[in-house]
Amino acid sequence: MKQREVIFYSEGTRMVGNIYLPDDYKEGEKRPGIIANSGWTGVNKVYPAMFARQMTQYGYVCMGFDYRGFKPSGGISGMDKYTTLEMEVDDVNNALTFFKHQPEVDAEHIALIGWGVGGAVCVNAAYRDKTVKAVATLNSFTDGRRWMRMGMGNDKFYKMLRALEEDKYKRVSTGDPVLRHPYEFYPNIDESGDFYVDHTLKELNGGVEASIVSDNNAEPFPTPMSSVIAESFVRFNVQDILPKLAPDCAVFVGHGKYNELHDREEAEDAYKLAKEPKALYYVEGKHNEWMFDGDPKLEGLCAAMNTFFKAHI
């Protein structure tokens, strides 16, 4: 896979990403394109780059980038560690505009891949941009409030809402972004979060942790972020959007059959709500323990996405 770094801007903020090209790409060609997008605390060097390594093998031109608030991309003035899912939708749509103007990309044949909460983000972004022909929402959710309440249980969920209300008042009355550990208000994160930190960052593609920490000015990753993200988790909902994507955009739903982080009910709901053309694909795994180059489960998922994209973009 060949790659080059690119710079674009999202709502005035400098964004850093990469264009990933198939090894057999020849100058002057225009090929179907895919933007691969991270979940929460995800960065371009992890899953977007991994999906690009997979999908460029099928001939696609790919792009990945870091959302606002995650270096090497910038952040909003005065609050670098501040983002919401709505802001990430803006970032994806601005990346789309940039991507469609790249010389290697056939702008009439574009798909989005969204991992984790990025799946719901990409569903929203595809609805905004009618040129997107297909979206893959992977291990994601449709109803943020339901997902979080089910994952936390009522007592913990409502305790979190009270804490978020206090954080919100502090933000609006003092300007303090109120930084918390990024997994503090993420339901059922212990197993997958520990795996991400202890294995994914250290082992994926030979290990990317040192490079990410370097990008982050030597601060350990994942770094504290404003708790405003958790507010957006609760309010984010794509149930009304999914039925409206057809006929412009086909929907691929992929999910770990035993996912403990995002219950498979979310995948079943997404598939039920989407209209044809659509597909539902289950991975015989949980959330992220199979997300490594060479894992047959990852390769099977990517092969299924390729078949779907070939038919619909």
C-alpha atoms as a PDB file:
ATOM      1  CA  MET A   1       0.000   0.000   0.000  1.00  0.00           C
ATOM      2  CA  LYS A   2       1.239   3.460  -0.932  1.00  0.00           C
ATOM      3  CA  GLN A   3       0.298   6.508   1.103  1.00  0.00           C
ATOM      4  CA  ARG A   4       0.710  10.251   1.298  1.00  0.00           C
ATOM      5  CA  GLU A   5      -0.126  12.701   4.063  1.00  0.00           C
ATOM      6  CA  VAL A   6      -2.819  15.278   3.402  1.00  0.00           C
ATOM      7  CA  ILE A   7      -4.018  18.418   5.165  1.00  0.00           C
ATOM      8  CA  PHE A   8      -7.583  19.691   5.057  1.00  0.00           C
ATOM      9  CA  TYR A   9      -9.751  21.884   7.277  1.00  0.00           C
ATOM     10  CA  SER A  10     -12.881  21.136   9.273  1.00  0.00           C
ATOM     11  CA  GLU A  11     -14.798  24.183  10.468  1.00  0.00           C
ATOM     12  CA  GLY A  12     -11.525  26.136  10.373  1.00  0.00           C
ATOM     13  CA  THR A  13      -9.460  23.522  12.220  1.00  0.00           C
ATOM     14  CA  ARG A  14      -6.381  22.015  10.567  1.00  0.00           C
ATOM     15  CA  MET A  15      -6.865  18.285  10.034  1.00  0.00           C
ATOM     16  CA  VAL A  16      -4.216  15.672   9.266  1.00  0.00           C
ATOM     17  CA  GLY A  17      -4.900  12.493   7.347  1.00  0.00           C
ATOM     18  CA  ASN A  18      -3.580  10.093   4.736  1.00  0.00           C
ATOM     19  CA  ILE A  19      -4.573   8.994   1.268  1.00  0.00           C
ATOM     20  CA  TYR A  20      -3.916   5.263   0.896  1.00  0.00           C
ATOM     21  CA  LEU A  21      -3.389   3.825  -2.600  1.00  0.00           C
ATOM     22  CA  PRO A  22      -3.349   0.235  -3.884  1.00  0.00           C
ATOM     23  CA  ASP A  23       0.081  -1.058  -4.793  1.00  0.00           C
ATOM     24  CA  ASP A  24      -0.999  -1.396  -8.418  1.00  0.00           C
ATOM     25  CA  TYR A  25      -2.380   2.144  -8.664  1.00  0.00           C
ATOM     26  CA  LYS A  26      -1.183   3.973 -11.794  1.00  0.00           C
ATOM     27  CA  GLU A  27      -1.018   7.747 -12.064  1.00  0.00           C
ATOM     28  CA  GLY A  28      -4.039   9.203 -13.803  1.00  0.00           C
ATOM     29  CA  GLU A  29      -6.455   6.471 -12.740  1.00  0.00           C
ATOM     30  CA  LYS A  30      -9.647   7.301 -10.862  1.00  0.00           C
ATOM     31  CA  ARG A  31     -10.866   4.549  -8.570  1.00  0.00           C
ATOM     32  CA  PRO A  32     -13.766   4.036  -6.149  1.00  0.00           C
ATOM     33  CA  GLY A  33     -12.985   5.510  -2.773  1.00  0.00           C
ATOM     34  CA  ILE A  34     -13.530   4.668   0.899  1.00  0.00           C
ATOM     35  CA  ILE A  35     -13.060   6.872   3.947  1.00  0.00           C
ATOM     36  CA  ALA A  36     -12.452   4.710   7.037  1.00  0.00           C
ATOM     37  CA  ASN A  37     -13.367   6.324  10.347  1.00  0.00           C
ATOM     38  CA  SER A  38     -12.443   5.652  13.952  1.00  0.00           C
ATOM     39  CA  GLY A  39     -14.558   5.033  17.009  1.00  0.00           C
ATOM     40  CA  TRP A  40     -14.057   6.769  20.366  1.00  0.00           C
ATOM     41  CA  THR A  41     -10.375   7.397  21.167  1.00  0.00           C
ATOM     42  CA  GLY A  42      -9.527   5.892  17.803  1.00  0.00           C
ATOM     43  CA  VAL A  43      -6.800   7.462  15.701  1.00  0.00           C
ATOM     44  CA  ASN A  44      -5.915   7.160  12.039  1.00  0.00           C
ATOM     45  CA  LYS A  45      -2.842   4.999  12.690  1.00  0.00           C
ATOM     46  CA  VAL A  46      -5.007   2.298  14.253  1.00  0.00           C
ATOM     47  CA  TYR A  47      -8.243   1.131  12.591  1.00  0.00           C
ATOM     48  CA  PRO A  48      -8.563   3.538   9.626  1.00  0.00           C
ATOM     49  CA  ALA A  49      -5.063   2.557   8.467  1.00  0.00           C
ATOM     50  CA  MET A  50      -5.844  -1.103   9.123  1.00  0.00           C
ATOM     51  CA  PHE A  51      -9.036  -0.966   7.070  1.00  0.00           C
ATOM     52  CA  ALA A  52      -7.085   0.832   4.350  1.00  0.00           C
ATOM     53  CA  ARG A  53      -4.521  -1.998   4.256  1.00  0.00           C
ATOM     54  CA  GLN A  54      -7.394  -4.420   3.778  1.00  0.00           C
ATOM     55  CA  MET A  55      -9.491  -2.479   1.286  1.00  0.00           C
ATOM     56  CA  THR A  56      -6.686  -1.206  -0.958  1.00  0.00           C
ATOM     57  CA  GLN A  57      -6.046  -4.881  -1.723  1.00  0.00           C
ATOM     58  CA  TYR A  58      -9.449  -4.860  -3.446  1.00  0.00           C
ATOM     59  CA  GLY A  59      -8.479  -1.838  -5.534  1.00  0.00           C
ATOM     60  CA  TYR A  60     -10.049   1.029  -3.566  1.00  0.00           C
ATOM     61  CA  VAL A  61      -8.403   4.364  -2.850  1.00  0.00           C
ATOM     62  CA  CYS A  62      -8.824   5.001   0.877  1.00  0.00           C
ATOM     63  CA  MET A  63      -8.528   7.880   3.305  1.00  0.00           C
ATOM     64  CA  GLY A  64      -8.183   8.074   7.062  1.00  0.00           C
ATOM     65  CA  PHE A  65      -7.753  11.047   9.370  1.00  0.00           C
ATOM     66  CA  ASP A  66      -7.796  12.105  13.003  1.00  0.00           C
ATOM     67  CA  TYR A  67     -10.889  13.842  14.361  1.00  0.00           C
ATOM     68  CA  ARG A  68     -10.641  17.266  15.944  1.00  0.00           C
ATOM     69  CA  GLY A  69      -9.229  16.917  19.440  1.00  0.00           C
ATOM     70  CA  PHE A  70      -6.918  14.034  18.476  1.00  0.00           C
ATOM     71  CA  LYS A  71      -3.395  14.881  17.385  1.00  0.00           C
ATOM     72  CA  PRO A  72      -1.880  15.399  14.915  1.00  0.00           C
ATOM     73  CA  SER A  73      -5.152  17.121  13.936  1.00  0.00           C
ATOM     74  CA  GLY A  74      -5.943  20.339  15.771  1.00  0.00           C
ATOM     75  CA  GLY A  75      -8.664  21.183  18.247  1.00  0.00           C
ATOM     76  CA  ILE A  76     -11.081  24.027  18.735  1.00  0.00           C
ATOM     77  CA  SER A  77      -9.481  27.155  20.153  1.00  0.00           C
ATOM     78  CA  GLY A  78      -8.854  26.978  23.893  1.00  0.00           C
ATOM     79  CA  MET A  79     -10.181  23.425  24.265  1.00  0.00           C
ATOM     80  CA  ASP A  80      -7.988  21.037  22.302  1.00  0.00           C
ATOM     81  CA  LYS A  81      -9.387  17.973  24.086  1.00  0.00           C
ATOM     82  CA  TYR A  82     -12.982  18.677  23.197  1.00  0.00           C
ATOM     83  CA  THR A  83     -15.144  16.864  20.681  1.00  0.00           C
ATOM     84  CA  THR A  84     -18.684  15.556  20.269  1.00  0.00           C
ATOM     85  CA  LEU A  85     -20.202  13.040  17.895  1.00  0.00           C
ATOM     86  CA  GLU A  86     -21.887  15.946  16.090  1.00  0.00           C
ATOM     87  CA  MET A  87     -18.469  17.549  15.587  1.00  0.00           C
ATOM     88  CA  GLU A  88     -17.178  14.252  14.234  1.00  0.00           C
ATOM     89  CA  VAL A  89     -20.026  14.196  11.705  1.00  0.00           C
ATOM     90  CA  ASP A  90     -18.818  17.608  10.513  1.00  0.00           C
ATOM     91  CA  ASP A  91     -15.267  16.244  10.311  1.00  0.00           C
ATOM     92  CA  VAL A  92     -16.355  13.282   8.181  1.00  0.00           C
ATOM     93  CA  ASN A  93     -18.394  15.491   5.848  1.00  0.00           C
ATOM     94  CA  ASN A  94     -15.507  17.903   5.423  1.00  0.00           C
ATOM     95  CA  ALA A  95     -13.186  14.967   4.765  1.00  0.00           C
ATOM     96  CA  LEU A  96     -15.648  13.758   2.125  1.00  0.00           C
ATOM     97  CA  THR A  97     -15.559  17.094   0.333  1.00  0.00           C
ATOM     98  CA  PHE A  98     -11.765  17.017   0.333  1.00  0.00           C
ATOM     99  CA  PHE A  99     -11.564  13.348  -0.692  1.00  0.00           C
ATOM    100  CA  LYS A 100     -13.864  13.726  -3.700  1.00  0.00           C
ATOM    101  CA  HIS A 101     -11.498  16.324  -5.162  1.00  0.00           C
ATOM    102  CA  GLN A 102      -8.394  14.131  -4.969  1.00  0.00           C
ATOM    103  CA  PRO A 103      -7.053  13.137  -8.396  1.00  0.00           C
ATOM    104  CA  GLU A 104      -7.057   9.403  -7.615  1.00  0.00           C
ATOM    105  CA  VAL A 105     -10.725   9.277  -6.561  1.00  0.00           C
ATOM    106  CA  ASP A 106     -13.817   8.597  -8.639  1.00  0.00           C
ATOM    107  CA  ALA A 107     -16.166  10.989  -6.862  1.00  0.00           C
ATOM    108  CA  GLU A 108     -19.237   9.150  -8.153  1.00  0.00           C
ATOM    109  CA  HIS A 109     -18.301   5.979  -6.279  1.00  0.00           C
ATOM    110  CA  ILE A 110     -17.677   6.683  -2.576  1.00  0.00           C
ATOM    111  CA  ALA A 111     -18.321   4.614   0.566  1.00  0.00           C
ATOM    112  CA  LEU A 112     -17.835   5.219   4.277  1.00  0.00           C
ATOM    113  CA  ILE A 113     -16.677   2.762   6.924  1.00  0.00           C
ATOM    114  CA  GLY A 114     -17.348   3.675  10.551  1.00  0.00           C
ATOM    115  CA  TRP A 115     -16.046   1.659  13.502  1.00  0.00           C
ATOM    116  CA  GLY A 116     -17.691   1.708  16.953  1.00  0.00           C
ATOM    117  CA  VAL A 117     -19.462   4.989  17.622  1.00  0.00           C
ATOM    118  CA  GLY A 118     -17.998   6.058  14.280  1.00  0.00           C
ATOM    119  CA  GLY A 119     -20.558   3.824  12.599  1.00  0.00           C
ATOM    120  CA  ALA A 120     -23.435   5.992  13.799  1.00  0.00           C
ATOM    121  CA  VAL A 121     -21.382   9.077  12.913  1.00  0.00           C
ATOM    122  CA  CYS A 122     -20.974   7.801   9.342  1.00  0.00           C
ATOM    123  CA  VAL A 123     -24.686   7.018   8.996  1.00  0.00           C
ATOM    124  CA  ASN A 124     -25.390  10.656   9.833  1.00  0.00           C
ATOM    125  CA  ALA A 125     -22.640  11.895   7.510  1.00  0.00           C
ATOM    126  CA  ALA A 126     -23.963   9.761   4.624  1.00  0.00           C
ATOM    127  CA  TYR A 127     -27.431  11.237   5.085  1.00  0.00           C
ATOM    128  CA  ARG A 128     -25.976  14.741   4.798  1.00  0.00           C
ATOM    129  CA  ASP A 129     -23.965  13.971   1.655  1.00  0.00           C
ATOM    130  CA  LYS A 130     -26.097  12.269  -0.970  1.00  0.00           C
ATOM    131  CA  THR A 131     -23.066  11.389  -3.086  1.00  0.00           C
ATOM    132  CA  VAL A 132     -22.145   8.618  -0.611  1.00  0.00           C
ATOM    133  CA  LYS A 133     -23.271   5.377  -2.242  1.00  0.00           C
ATOM    134  CA  ALA A 134     -22.761   3.004   0.702  1.00  0.00           C
ATOM    135  CA  VAL A 135     -22.036   3.135   4.422  1.00  0.00           C
ATOM    136  CA  ALA A 136     -20.715   0.336   6.630  1.00  0.00           C
ATOM    137  CA  THR A 137     -21.588   0.732  10.315  1.00  0.00           C
ATOM    138  CA  LEU A 138     -19.481  -1.715  12.325  1.00  0.00           C
ATOM    139  CA  ASN A 139     -19.961  -2.625  16.003  1.00  0.00           C
ATOM    140  CA  SER A 140     -21.970   0.542  16.496  1.00  0.00           C
ATOM    141  CA  PHE A 141     -25.343   1.673  17.835  1.00  0.00           C
ATOM    142  CA  THR A 142     -28.554   3.366  16.715  1.00  0.00           C
ATOM    143  CA  ASP A 143     -29.959   4.801  19.978  1.00  0.00           C
ATOM    144  CA  GLY A 144     -27.279   6.260  22.222  1.00  0.00           C
ATOM    145  CA  ARG A 145     -29.464   6.623  25.279  1.00  0.00           C
ATOM    146  CA  ARG A 146     -30.647   3.011  25.090  1.00  0.00           C
ATOM    147  CA  TRP A 147     -27.135   1.679  24.454  1.00  0.00           C
ATOM    148  CA  MET A 148     -25.669   3.546  27.434  1.00  0.00           C
ATOM    149  CA  ARG A 149     -28.521   2.805  29.851  1.00  0.00           C
ATOM    150  CA  MET A 150     -28.542  -0.900  28.962  1.00  0.00           C
ATOM    151  CA  GLY A 151     -24.764  -1.108  29.272  1.00  0.00           C
ATOM    152  CA  MET A 152     -24.513   0.748  32.563  1.00  0.00           C
ATOM    153  CA  GLY A 153     -27.745  -0.209  34.291  1.00  0.00           C
ATOM    154  CA  ASN A 154     -30.197   2.391  35.563  1.00  0.00           C
ATOM    155  CA  ASP A 155     -28.384   3.378  38.764  1.00  0.00           C
ATOM    156  CA  LYS A 156     -25.031   4.035  37.114  1.00  0.00           C
ATOM    157  CA  PHE A 157     -26.651   5.654  34.074  1.00  0.00           C
ATOM    158  CA  TYR A 158     -28.619   8.226  36.070  1.00  0.00           C
ATOM    159  CA  LYS A 159     -25.644   8.893  38.333  1.00  0.00           C
ATOM    160  CA  MET A 160     -23.671   9.664  35.162  1.00  0.00           C
ATOM    161  CA  LEU A 161     -26.379  12.045  33.923  1.00  0.00           C
ATOM    162  CA  ARG A 162     -26.187  13.963  37.206  1.00  0.00           C
ATOM    163  CA  ALA A 163     -22.396  14.196  36.927  1.00  0.00           C
ATOM    164  CA  LEU A 164     -22.641  15.374  33.322  1.00  0.00           C
ATOM    165  CA  GLU A 165     -25.085  18.101  34.315  1.00  0.00           C
ATOM    166  CA  GLU A 166     -22.589  19.331  36.922  1.00  0.00           C
ATOM    167  CA  ASP A 167     -19.799  19.214  34.325  1.00  0.00           C
ATOM    168  CA  LYS A 168     -21.931  21.167  31.873  1.00  0.00           C
ATOM    169  CA  TYR A 169     -22.570  23.923  34.398  1.00  0.00           C
ATOM    170  CA  LYS A 170     -18.852  24.123  35.137  1.00  0.00           C
ATOM    171  CA  ARG A 171     -18.084  24.422  31.413  1.00  0.00           C
ATOM    172  CA  VAL A 172     -20.602  27.181  30.788  1.00  0.00           C
ATOM    173  CA  SER A 173     -19.841  29.109  33.997  1.00  0.00           C
ATOM    174  CA  THR A 174     -16.032  28.879  34.028  1.00  0.00           C
ATOM    175  CA  GLY A 175     -14.862  27.842  30.534  1.00  0.00           C
ATOM    176  CA  ASP A 176     -13.223  24.741  32.009  1.00  0.00           C
ATOM    177  CA  PRO A 177     -13.724  21.853  29.507  1.00  0.00           C
ATOM    178  CA  VAL A 178     -13.834  19.376  32.451  1.00  0.00           C
ATOM    179  CA  LEU A 179     -11.439  16.624  31.458  1.00  0.00           C
ATOM    180  CA  ARG A 180     -12.108  13.028  32.461  1.00  0.00           C
ATOM    181  CA  HIS A 181     -10.624   9.692  31.498  1.00  0.00           C
ATOM    182  CA  PRO A 182     -12.197   8.969  28.099  1.00  0.00           C
ATOM    183  CA  TYR A 183     -13.569   5.601  29.245  1.00  0.00           C
ATOM    184  CA  GLU A 184     -15.135   6.815  32.504  1.00  0.00           C
ATOM    185  CA  PHE A 185     -18.594   7.184  30.970  1.00  0.00           C
ATOM    186  CA  TYR A 186     -18.384   4.450  28.327  1.00  0.00           C
ATOM    187  CA  PRO A 187     -20.487   1.390  29.241  1.00  0.00           C
ATOM    188  CA  ASN A 188     -18.905  -2.059  29.483  1.00  0.00           C
ATOM    189  CA  ILE A 189     -15.557  -0.691  28.352  1.00  0.00           C
ATOM    190  CA  ASP A 190     -13.279  -2.570  30.756  1.00  0.00           C
ATOM    191  CA  GLU A 191     -12.516  -5.637  28.629  1.00  0.00           C
ATOM    192  CA  SER A 192     -12.380  -3.928  25.230  1.00  0.00           C
ATOM    193  CA  GLY A 193     -10.682  -0.787  26.559  1.00  0.00           C
ATOM    194  CA  ASP A 194      -7.965  -2.782  28.324  1.00  0.00           C
ATOM    195  CA  PHE A 195      -7.472  -4.898  25.203  1.00  0.00           C
ATOM    196  CA  TYR A 196      -7.153  -1.764  23.062  1.00  0.00           C
ATOM    197  CA  VAL A 197      -4.494  -0.253  25.339  1.00  0.00           C
ATOM    198  CA  ASP A 198      -2.644  -3.453  26.264  1.00  0.00           C
ATOM    199  CA  HIS A 199      -2.728  -5.247  22.915  1.00  0.00           C
ATOM    200  CA  THR A 200      -4.068  -3.232  19.969  1.00  0.00           C
ATOM    201  CA  LEU A 201      -1.783  -0.223  20.414  1.00  0.00           C
ATOM    202  CA  LYS A 202       1.219  -2.409  21.190  1.00  0.00           C
ATOM    203  CA  GLU A 203       0.739  -5.120  18.562  1.00  0.00           C
ATOM    204  CA  LEU A 204      -1.226  -3.791  15.579  1.00  0.00           C
ATOM    205  CA  ASN A 205       1.003  -3.288  12.520  1.00  0.00           C
ATOM    206  CA  GLY A 206       4.115  -3.907  14.633  1.00  0.00           C
ATOM    207  CA  GLY A 207       2.996  -1.535  17.379  1.00  0.00           C
ATOM    208  CA  VAL A 208       1.706   2.028  16.997  1.00  0.00           C
ATOM    209  CA  GLU A 209       1.660   3.174  20.633  1.00  0.00           C
ATOM    210  CA  ALA A 210       5.041   4.970  20.590  1.00  0.00           C
ATOM    211  CA  SER A 211       4.140   6.870  17.430  1.00  0.00           C
ATOM    212  CA  ILE A 212       0.762   7.950  18.863  1.00  0.00           C
ATOM    213  CA  VAL A 213       2.347   9.083  22.140  1.00  0.00           C
ATOM    214  CA  SER A 214       4.902  11.049  20.124  1.00  0.00           C
ATOM    215  CA  ASP A 215       2.104  12.761  18.185  1.00  0.00           C
ATOM    216  CA  ASN A 216       0.509  13.564  21.539  1.00  0.00           C
ATOM    217  CA  ASN A 217       3.567  15.402  22.889  1.00  0.00           C
ATOM    218  CA  ALA A 218       4.615  12.391  25.013  1.00  0.00           C
ATOM    219  CA  GLU A 219       1.340  12.338  26.956  1.00  0.00           C
ATOM    220  CA  PRO A 220       0.145   8.760  27.593  1.00  0.00           C
ATOM    221  CA  PHE A 221      -2.703   7.600  25.369  1.00  0.00           C
ATOM    222  CA  PRO A 222      -5.680   7.598  25.650  1.00  0.00           C
ATOM    223  CA  THR A 223      -5.554  11.073  27.123  1.00  0.00           C
ATOM    224  CA  PRO A 224      -8.243  12.760  29.250  1.00  0.00           C
ATOM    225  CA  MET A 225     -10.967  14.419  27.159  1.00  0.00           C
ATOM    226  CA  SER A 226     -13.837  16.756  27.905  1.00  0.00           C
ATOM    227  CA  SER A 227     -16.848  14.921  29.321  1.00  0.00           C
ATOM    228  CA  VAL A 228     -18.977  16.703  26.715  1.00  0.00           C
ATOM    229  CA  ILE A 229     -18.435  13.635  24.506  1.00  0.00           C
ATOM    230  CA  ALA A 230     -20.540  11.535  26.880  1.00  0.00           C
ATOM    231  CA  GLU A 231     -23.405  14.022  26.567  1.00  0.00           C
ATOM    232  CA  SER A 232     -23.328  13.481  22.825  1.00  0.00           C
ATOM    233  CA  PHE A 233     -23.313   9.703  23.274  1.00  0.00           C
ATOM    234  CA  VAL A 234     -26.613   9.975  25.157  1.00  0.00           C
ATOM    235  CA  ARG A 235     -28.372  12.261  22.695  1.00  0.00           C
ATOM    236  CA  PHE A 236     -27.038  10.747  19.456  1.00  0.00           C
ATOM    237  CA  ASN A 237     -29.640   8.730  17.601  1.00  0.00           C
ATOM    238  CA  VAL A 238     -29.765   7.567  13.977  1.00  0.00           C
ATOM    239  CA  GLN A 239     -33.038   5.623  14.099  1.00  0.00           C
ATOM    240  CA  ASP A 240     -34.868   8.270  12.083  1.00  0.00           C
ATOM    241  CA  ILE A 241     -32.007   8.581   9.599  1.00  0.00           C
ATOM    242  CA  LEU A 242     -31.455   4.941   8.635  1.00  0.00           C
ATOM    243  CA  PRO A 243     -34.775   4.523   6.751  1.00  0.00           C
ATOM    244  CA  LYS A 244     -34.064   7.714   4.792  1.00  0.00           C
ATOM    245  CA  LEU A 245     -30.728   6.637   3.305  1.00  0.00           C
ATOM    246  CA  ALA A 246     -32.342   4.545   0.556  1.00  0.00           C
ATOM    247  CA  PRO A 247     -32.307   4.660  -2.382  1.00  0.00           C
ATOM    248  CA  ASP A 248     -29.225   6.890  -2.481  1.00  0.00           C
ATOM    249  CA  CYS A 249     -27.072   4.964  -0.015  1.00  0.00           C
ATOM    250  CA  ALA A 250     -26.836   1.217   0.713  1.00  0.00           C
ATOM    251  CA  VAL A 251     -26.305   0.133   4.344  1.00  0.00           C
ATOM    252  CA  PHE A 252     -23.938  -2.611   5.517  1.00  0.00           C
ATOM    253  CA  VAL A 253     -24.251  -3.546   9.192  1.00  0.00           C
ATOM    254  CA  GLY A 254     -21.364  -5.532  10.680  1.00  0.00           C
ATOM    255  CA  HIS A 255     -21.240  -6.651  14.300  1.00  0.00           C
ATOM    256  CA  GLY A 256     -19.443  -9.011  16.650  1.00  0.00           C
ATOM    257  CA  LYS A 257     -21.953 -11.722  17.514  1.00  0.00           C
ATOM    258  CA  TYR A 258     -20.811 -11.733  21.156  1.00  0.00           C
ATOM    259  CA  ASN A 259     -20.049  -8.016  21.449  1.00  0.00           C
ATOM    260  CA  GLU A 260     -20.139  -6.926  25.088  1.00  0.00           C
ATOM    261  CA  LEU A 261     -19.489  -3.254  24.334  1.00  0.00           C
ATOM    262  CA  HIS A 262     -22.358  -2.568  21.916  1.00  0.00           C
ATOM    263  CA  ASP A 263     -25.131  -5.127  22.262  1.00  0.00           C
ATOM    264  CA  ARG A 264     -26.123  -6.941  19.057  1.00  0.00           C
ATOM    265  CA  GLU A 265     -29.603  -5.470  19.542  1.00  0.00           C
ATOM    266  CA  GLU A 266     -28.114  -2.279  18.107  1.00  0.00           C
ATOM    267  CA  ALA A 267     -27.061  -4.106  14.917  1.00  0.00           C
ATOM    268  CA  GLU A 268     -30.421  -5.811  14.597  1.00  0.00           C
ATOM    269  CA  ASP A 269     -32.152  -2.456  15.026  1.00  0.00           C
ATOM    270  CA  ALA A 270     -29.956  -0.830  12.376  1.00  0.00           C
ATOM    271  CA  TYR A 271     -30.658  -3.597   9.891  1.00  0.00           C
ATOM    272  CA  LYS A 272     -34.395  -3.538  10.581  1.00  0.00           C
ATOM    273  CA  LEU A 273     -34.609   0.229  10.135  1.00  0.00           C
ATOM    274  CA  ALA A 274     -32.524   0.449   6.962  1.00  0.00           C
ATOM    275  CA  LYS A 275     -34.261  -0.126   3.651  1.00  0.00           C
ATOM    276  CA  GLU A 276     -32.902  -2.157   0.746  1.00  0.00           C
ATOM    277  CA  PRO A 277     -30.214  -2.418  -0.389  1.00  0.00           C
ATOM    278  CA  LYS A 278     -28.801  -3.571   2.950  1.00  0.00           C
ATOM    279  CA  ALA A 279     -26.828  -6.415   4.521  1.00  0.00           C
ATOM    280  CA  LEU A 280     -26.232  -7.770   8.031  1.00  0.00           C
ATOM    281  CA  TYR A 281     -22.954  -9.564   8.722  1.00  0.00           C
ATOM    282  CA  TYR A 282     -21.974 -11.151  12.024  1.00  0.00           C
ATOM    283  CA  VAL A 283     -18.386 -11.762  13.073  1.00  0.00           C
ATOM    284  CA  GLU A 284     -17.840 -14.787  15.309  1.00  0.00           C
ATOM    285  CA  GLY A 285     -16.225 -12.652  17.989  1.00  0.00           C
ATOM    286  CA  LYS A 286     -16.668  -9.862  20.510  1.00  0.00           C
ATOM    287  CA  HIS A 287     -15.638  -6.251  19.870  1.00  0.00           C
ATOM    288  CA  ASN A 288     -11.970  -5.852  18.999  1.00  0.00           C
ATOM    289  CA  GLU A 289      -9.984  -8.987  19.875  1.00  0.00           C
ATOM    290  CA  TRP A 290     -10.052 -10.027  16.191  1.00  0.00           C
ATOM    291  CA  MET A 291      -9.125  -6.617  14.760  1.00  0.00           C
ATOM    292  CA  PHE A 292      -5.632  -7.450  13.544  1.00  0.00           C
ATOM    293  CA  ASP A 293      -4.092  -7.798  10.096  1.00  0.00           C
ATOM    294  CA  GLY A 294      -4.186 -11.429   9.068  1.00  0.00           C
ATOM    295  CA  ASP A 295      -7.018 -12.440  11.387  1.00  0.00           C
ATOM    296  CA  PRO A 296      -9.496 -14.528   9.347  1.00  0.00           C
ATOM    297  CA  LYS A 297     -12.436 -12.828  11.069  1.00  0.00           C
ATOM    298  CA  LEU A 298     -11.268  -9.371   9.995  1.00  0.00           C
ATOM    299  CA  GLU A 299     -10.490 -10.629   6.508  1.00  0.00           C
ATOM    300  CA  GLY A 300     -13.946 -12.195   6.267  1.00  0.00           C
ATOM    301  CA  LEU A 301     -15.604  -8.931   7.283  1.00  0.00           C
ATOM    302  CA  CYS A 302     -13.595  -6.951   4.746  1.00  0.00           C
ATOM    303  CA  ALA A 303     -14.330  -9.465   1.991  1.00  0.00           C
ATOM    304  CA  ALA A 304     -18.046  -9.136   2.768  1.00  0.00           C
ATOM    305  CA  MET A 305     -17.809  -5.332   2.643  1.00  0.00           C
ATOM    306  CA  ASN A 306     -15.988  -5.535  -0.678  1.00  0.00           C
ATOM    307  CA  THR A 307     -18.742  -7.713  -2.155  1.00  0.00           C
ATOM    308  CA  PHE A 308     -21.360  -5.280  -0.908  1.00  0.00           C
ATOM    309  CA  PHE A 309     -19.501  -2.187  -2.114  1.00  0.00           C
ATOM    310  CA  LYS A 310     -18.832  -3.700  -5.540  1.00  0.00           C
ATOM    311  CA  ALA A 311     -22.570  -4.205  -5.944  1.00  0.00           C
ATOM    312  CA  HIS A 312     -23.680  -0.816  -4.703  1.00  0.00           C
ATOM    313  CA  ILE A 313     -21.085   1.895  -5.272  1.00  0.00           C
END
